[in-house]
């Protein structure tokens, strides 16, 4: 994403949040996911996390844990700490609903450690 286009993609992600949370707009998970996808396809980490969360919860999309993990990984690879935590928990099977993808405890633990480091730096 070029520098000028970055603002547009960030704004698309913001619109997704507004729809998903009902902030200033009628809450609409489908529209939220649609806007997250526009930004996520342009490499915006927070939109990739948000789209992954939509797939995980089935908010506006058909629930799909493999697809959730795919989008969460894209955000996590850009050091999106919350995405790292969510994907890490999915991989280690931590908690109800998290053990929905093939377990990879070492990779999950590594993601959780990276997220902890990101949080310490902020």
Foldseek 3Di string as FASTA:
>chain_A
DDPVCLVVLVVLQVVLVCQCVVPVHRNAQLSSLVSLVSSVVVQDLVSLQVNLVCLLVVRSHPNDNVSSLVSLVSSLVVVPLVSLQLNLCLQCVPDPSSVPDDHDNVSSVVSNVSSVVVVVVD
